[in-house]
PDB file of N, CA and C in Angstrom:
ATOM      1  N   MET A   1     211.692  87.591  95.717  1.00  0.00           N
ATOM      2  CA  MET A   1     211.476  87.247  96.997  1.00  0.00           C
ATOM      3  C   MET A   1     211.653  85.540  97.356  1.00  0.00           C
ATOM      4  N   ALA A   2     211.418  84.943  96.260  1.00  0.00           N
ATOM      5  CA  ALA A   2     211.505  83.286  96.351  1.00  0.00           C
ATOM      6  C   ALA A   2     213.041  83.114  96.298  1.00  0.00           C
ATOM      7  N   ALA A   3     213.988  84.192  95.560  1.00  0.00           N
ATOM      8  CA  ALA A   3     215.075  83.930  95.505  1.00  0.00           C
ATOM      9  C   ALA A   3     215.768  84.196  97.201  1.00  0.00           C
ATOM     10  N   HIS A   4     215.245  84.826  97.959  1.00  0.00           N
ATOM     11  CA  HIS A   4     215.690  85.012  99.453  1.00  0.00           C
ATOM     12  C   HIS A   4     215.006  83.847 100.413  1.00  0.00           C
ATOM     13  N   TYR A   5     213.905  83.691 100.127  1.00  0.00           N
ATOM     14  CA  TYR A   5     213.234  82.662 101.189  1.00  0.00           C
ATOM     15  C   TYR A   5     213.085  81.080 100.422  1.00  0.00           C
ATOM     16  N   GLY A   6     213.640  81.202  99.272  1.00  0.00           N
ATOM     17  CA  GLY A   6     213.393  79.829  98.743  1.00  0.00           C
ATOM     18  C   GLY A   6     212.091  79.397  98.172  1.00  0.00           C
ATOM     19  N   ASP A   7     210.807  80.052  98.325  1.00  0.00           N
ATOM     20  CA  ASP A   7     209.501  80.016  97.941  1.00  0.00           C
ATOM     21  C   ASP A   7     208.547  81.017  98.022  1.00  0.00           C
ATOM     22  N   THR A   8     207.682  80.537  97.616  1.00  0.00           N
ATOM     23  CA  THR A   8     206.386  81.760  97.986  1.00  0.00           C
ATOM     24  C   THR A   8     205.423  81.134  98.788  1.00  0.00           C
ATOM     25  N   LEU A   9     205.644  80.093  99.542  1.00  0.00           N
ATOM     26  CA  LEU A   9     204.523  79.378 100.168  1.00  0.00           C
ATOM     27  C   LEU A   9     204.344  79.765 101.448  1.00  0.00           C
ATOM     28  N   ASP A  10     203.340  79.346 102.167  1.00  0.00           N
ATOM     29  CA  ASP A  10     203.434  79.035 103.733  1.00  0.00           C
ATOM     30  C   ASP A  10     203.082  80.723 104.433  1.00  0.00           C
ATOM     31  N   GLY A  11     202.538  81.511 103.530  1.00  0.00           N
ATOM     32  CA  GLY A  11     202.326  83.052 104.042  1.00  0.00           C
ATOM     33  C   GLY A  11     203.510  83.826 103.879  1.00  0.00           C
ATOM     34  N   LYS A  12     204.438  83.504 103.069  1.00  0.00           N
ATOM     35  CA  LYS A  12     205.698  84.312 102.677  1.00  0.00           C
ATOM     36  C   LYS A  12     205.247  85.778 102.060  1.00  0.00           C
ATOM     37  N   VAL A  13     204.382  85.497 101.088  1.00  0.00           N
ATOM     38  CA  VAL A  13     203.727  86.901 100.301  1.00  0.00           C
ATOM     39  C   VAL A  13     203.047  87.705 101.076  1.00  0.00           C
ATOM     40  N   GLU A  14     202.127  87.207 102.054  1.00  0.00           N
ATOM     41  CA  GLU A  14     201.247  87.867 102.703  1.00  0.00           C
ATOM     42  C   GLU A  14     202.042  88.691 103.829  1.00  0.00           C
ATOM     43  N   ALA A  15     203.056  87.928 104.440  1.00  0.00           N
ATOM     44  CA  ALA A  15     204.159  88.502 105.570  1.00  0.00           C
ATOM     45  C   ALA A  15     204.790  89.780 104.598  1.00  0.00           C
ATOM     46  N   VAL A  16     205.382  89.443 103.550  1.00  0.00           N
ATOM     47  CA  VAL A  16     206.034  90.672 102.939  1.00  0.00           C
ATOM     48  C   VAL A  16     205.115  91.947 102.356  1.00  0.00           C
ATOM     49  N   LEU A  17     203.879  91.699 102.136  1.00  0.00           N
ATOM     50  CA  LEU A  17     203.013  92.732 101.996  1.00  0.00           C
ATOM     51  C   LEU A  17     202.482  93.410 103.233  1.00  0.00           C
ATOM     52  N   ALA A  18     202.550  92.530 104.336  1.00  0.00           N
ATOM     53  CA  ALA A  18     202.071  93.152 105.604  1.00  0.00           C
ATOM     54  C   ALA A  18     203.382  94.332 106.140  1.00  0.00           C
ATOM     55  N   ALA A  19     204.817  93.792 105.624  1.00  0.00           N
ATOM     56  CA  ALA A  19     205.746  94.503 106.218  1.00  0.00           C
ATOM     57  C   ALA A  19     205.979  95.582 105.104  1.00  0.00           C
ATOM     58  N   ASN A  20     205.313  95.788 104.068  1.00  0.00           N
ATOM     59  CA  ASN A  20     205.451  96.792 103.150  1.00  0.00           C
ATOM     60  C   ASN A  20     204.163  97.708 102.607  1.00  0.00           C
ATOM     61  N   PRO A  21     203.385  98.475 103.478  1.00  0.00           N
ATOM     62  CA  PRO A  21     202.205  98.876 103.183  1.00  0.00           C
ATOM     63  C   PRO A  21     202.165  99.870 101.791  1.00  0.00           C
ATOM     64  N   GLY A  22     201.413  99.604 101.118  1.00  0.00           N
ATOM     65  CA  GLY A  22     201.243 100.405  99.735  1.00  0.00           C
ATOM     66  C   GLY A  22     201.896  99.435  98.592  1.00  0.00           C
ATOM     67  N   LEU A  23     202.957  98.348  98.992  1.00  0.00           N
ATOM     68  CA  LEU A  23     203.277  97.640  98.021  1.00  0.00           C
ATOM     69  C   LEU A  23     202.656  96.668  96.749  1.00  0.00           C
ATOM     70  N   SER A  24     201.363  96.412  97.237  1.00  0.00           N
ATOM     71  CA  SER A  24     200.864  95.792  96.253  1.00  0.00           C
ATOM     72  C   SER A  24     199.925  96.992  95.550  1.00  0.00           C
ATOM     73  N   ALA A  25     200.084  98.288  95.759  1.00  0.00           N
ATOM     74  CA  ALA A  25     199.295  99.290  94.829  1.00  0.00           C
ATOM     75  C   ALA A  25     200.511  99.658  93.720  1.00  0.00           C
ATOM     76  N   LEU A  26     201.526  99.236  93.665  1.00  0.00           N
ATOM     77  CA  LEU A  26     202.459  99.499  92.960  1.00  0.00           C
ATOM     78  C   LEU A  26     202.415  98.607  91.543  1.00  0.00           C
ATOM     79  N   SER A  27     202.657  98.981  90.380  1.00  0.00           N
ATOM     80  CA  SER A  27     202.924  97.967  89.279  1.00  0.00           C
ATOM     81  C   SER A  27     203.700  96.610  89.568  1.00  0.00           C
ATOM     82  N   ALA A  28     203.188  95.967  88.900  1.00  0.00           N
ATOM     83  CA  ALA A  28     204.132  94.452  88.789  1.00  0.00           C
ATOM     84  C   ALA A  28     205.388  94.629  88.384  1.00  0.00           C
ATOM     85  N   VAL A  29     205.944  95.595  87.721  1.00  0.00           N
ATOM     86  CA  VAL A  29     207.402  95.905  87.445  1.00  0.00           C
ATOM     87  C   VAL A  29     207.556  97.052  88.172  1.00  0.00           C
ATOM     88  N   LEU A  30     208.668  96.780  89.129  1.00  0.00           N
ATOM     89  CA  LEU A  30     208.871  97.873  90.087  1.00  0.00           C
ATOM     90  C   LEU A  30     209.956  98.797  89.486  1.00  0.00           C
ATOM     91  N   ASP A  31     209.875 100.020  90.024  1.00  0.00           N
ATOM     92  CA  ASP A  31     210.775 101.106  89.405  1.00  0.00           C
ATOM     93  C   ASP A  31     212.095 100.980  90.064  1.00  0.00           C
ATOM     94  N   ALA A  32     213.052 101.298  89.558  1.00  0.00           N
ATOM     95  CA  ALA A  32     214.555 101.284  90.259  1.00  0.00           C
ATOM     96  C   ALA A  32     214.375 102.147  91.529  1.00  0.00           C
ATOM     97  N   GLY A  33     214.874 101.307  92.564  1.00  0.00           N
ATOM     98  CA  GLY A  33     215.031 102.439  93.725  1.00  0.00           C
ATOM     99  C   GLY A  33     213.985 101.881  94.692  1.00  0.00           C
ATOM    100  N   VAL A  34     213.079 101.130  94.073  1.00  0.00           N
ATOM    101  CA  VAL A  34     211.981 100.877  95.364  1.00  0.00           C
ATOM    102  C   VAL A  34     212.601  99.877  96.482  1.00  0.00           C
ATOM    103  N   ARG A  35     212.541 100.190  97.770  1.00  0.00           N
ATOM    104  CA  ARG A  35     213.022  99.517  98.575  1.00  0.00           C
ATOM    105  C   ARG A  35     211.872  98.509  99.305  1.00  0.00           C
ATOM    106  N   ILE A  36     212.127  97.255  99.286  1.00  0.00           N
ATOM    107  CA  ILE A  36     211.226  96.279  99.903  1.00  0.00           C
ATOM    108  C   ILE A  36     211.836  95.634 101.237  1.00  0.00           C
ATOM    109  N   ALA A  37     211.104  95.525 102.131  1.00  0.00           N
ATOM    110  CA  ALA A  37     211.562  94.889 103.600  1.00  0.00           C
ATOM    111  C   ALA A  37     211.307  93.533 103.372  1.00  0.00           C
ATOM    112  N   LEU A  38     212.342  92.780 103.801  1.00  0.00           N
ATOM    113  CA  LEU A  38     211.954  91.215 103.779  1.00  0.00           C
ATOM    114  C   LEU A  38     212.013  90.748 105.235  1.00  0.00           C
ATOM    115  N   PRO A  39     210.863  90.718 105.849  1.00  0.00           N
ATOM    116  CA  PRO A  39     210.753  90.535 107.300  1.00  0.00           C
ATOM    117  C   PRO A  39     211.640  88.798 107.653  1.00  0.00           C
ATOM    118  N   ASP A  40     211.948  88.621 108.800  1.00  0.00           N
ATOM    119  CA  ASP A  40     212.534  87.457 109.381  1.00  0.00           C
ATOM    120  C   ASP A  40     211.667  86.579 109.453  1.00  0.00           C
ATOM    121  N   LEU A  41     211.728  85.426 108.601  1.00  0.00           N
ATOM    122  CA  LEU A  41     210.429  84.549 108.855  1.00  0.00           C
ATOM    123  C   LEU A  41     211.149  83.403 109.259  1.00  0.00           C
ATOM    124  N   SER A  42     210.898  82.641 110.712  1.00  0.00           N
ATOM    125  CA  SER A  42     211.358  81.720 111.293  1.00  0.00           C
ATOM    126  C   SER A  42     210.575  80.618 111.036  1.00  0.00           C
ATOM    127  N   ILE A  43     211.042  79.550 111.034  1.00  0.00           N
ATOM    128  CA  ILE A  43     210.290  77.927 110.795  1.00  0.00           C
ATOM    129  C   ILE A  43     209.564  77.546 112.170  1.00  0.00           C
ATOM    130  N   THR A  44     208.319  77.424 111.861  1.00  0.00           N
ATOM    131  CA  THR A  44     207.863  77.319 113.455  1.00  0.00           C
ATOM    132  C   THR A  44     207.270  75.820 113.767  1.00  0.00           C
ATOM    133  N   GLY A  45     207.368  75.187 112.622  1.00  0.00           N
ATOM    134  CA  GLY A  45     206.937  73.731 112.839  1.00  0.00           C
ATOM    135  C   GLY A  45     207.977  72.666 111.821  1.00  0.00           C
ATOM    136  N   PRO A  46     207.487  71.579 112.124  1.00  0.00           N
ATOM    137  CA  PRO A  46     208.293  70.578 111.525  1.00  0.00           C
ATOM    138  C   PRO A  46     208.460  70.838 109.804  1.00  0.00           C
ATOM    139  N   VAL A  47     209.748  70.499 109.234  1.00  0.00           N
ATOM    140  CA  VAL A  47     210.012  70.488 107.782  1.00  0.00           C
ATOM    141  C   VAL A  47     209.508  69.052 107.332  1.00  0.00           C
ATOM    142  N   GLU A  48     208.599  69.131 106.337  1.00  0.00           N
ATOM    143  CA  GLU A  48     208.350  67.971 105.663  1.00  0.00           C
ATOM    144  C   GLU A  48     209.435  67.773 104.769  1.00  0.00           C
ATOM    145  N   THR A  49     209.925  66.414 104.539  1.00  0.00           N
ATOM    146  CA  THR A  49     210.766  66.035 103.431  1.00  0.00           C
ATOM    147  C   THR A  49     210.440  64.780 102.983  1.00  0.00           C
ATOM    148  N   GLU A  50     211.043  64.551 101.852  1.00  0.00           N
ATOM    149  CA  GLU A  50     210.742  63.213 101.009  1.00  0.00           C
ATOM    150  C   GLU A  50     212.109  62.291 100.617  1.00  0.00           C
ATOM    151  N   GLN A  51     211.990  61.317 101.002  1.00  0.00           N
ATOM    152  CA  GLN A  51     213.024  60.337 100.495  1.00  0.00           C
ATOM    153  C   GLN A  51     212.946  60.034  99.349  1.00  0.00           C
ATOM    154  N   LEU A  52     213.825  60.203  98.511  1.00  0.00           N
ATOM    155  CA  LEU A  52     213.835  59.839  97.058  1.00  0.00           C
ATOM    156  C   LEU A  52     214.306  58.625  96.721  1.00  0.00           C
ATOM    157  N   TRP A  53     215.490  58.109  97.289  1.00  0.00           N
ATOM    158  CA  TRP A  53     215.857  57.002  97.205  1.00  0.00           C
ATOM    159  C   TRP A  53     215.884  56.023  98.287  1.00  0.00           C
ATOM    160  N   GLY A  54     215.878  54.691  98.431  1.00  0.00           N
ATOM    161  CA  GLY A  54     215.895  53.897  99.449  1.00  0.00           C
ATOM    162  C   GLY A  54     216.865  53.793 100.110  1.00  0.00           C
TER     163      GLY A  54
END
């Protein structure tokens, strides 16, 4: 999931679990063939950035 979205922050885990009922009941290591829907999560607010060099 982090590879798809870039991280697991800002409710991304909750959105994926909501899009996949029963996913949380499976074991931590998923069997081959388990399909997981990754919902389209658009950015709704400003993105906070940091300036590293002057």
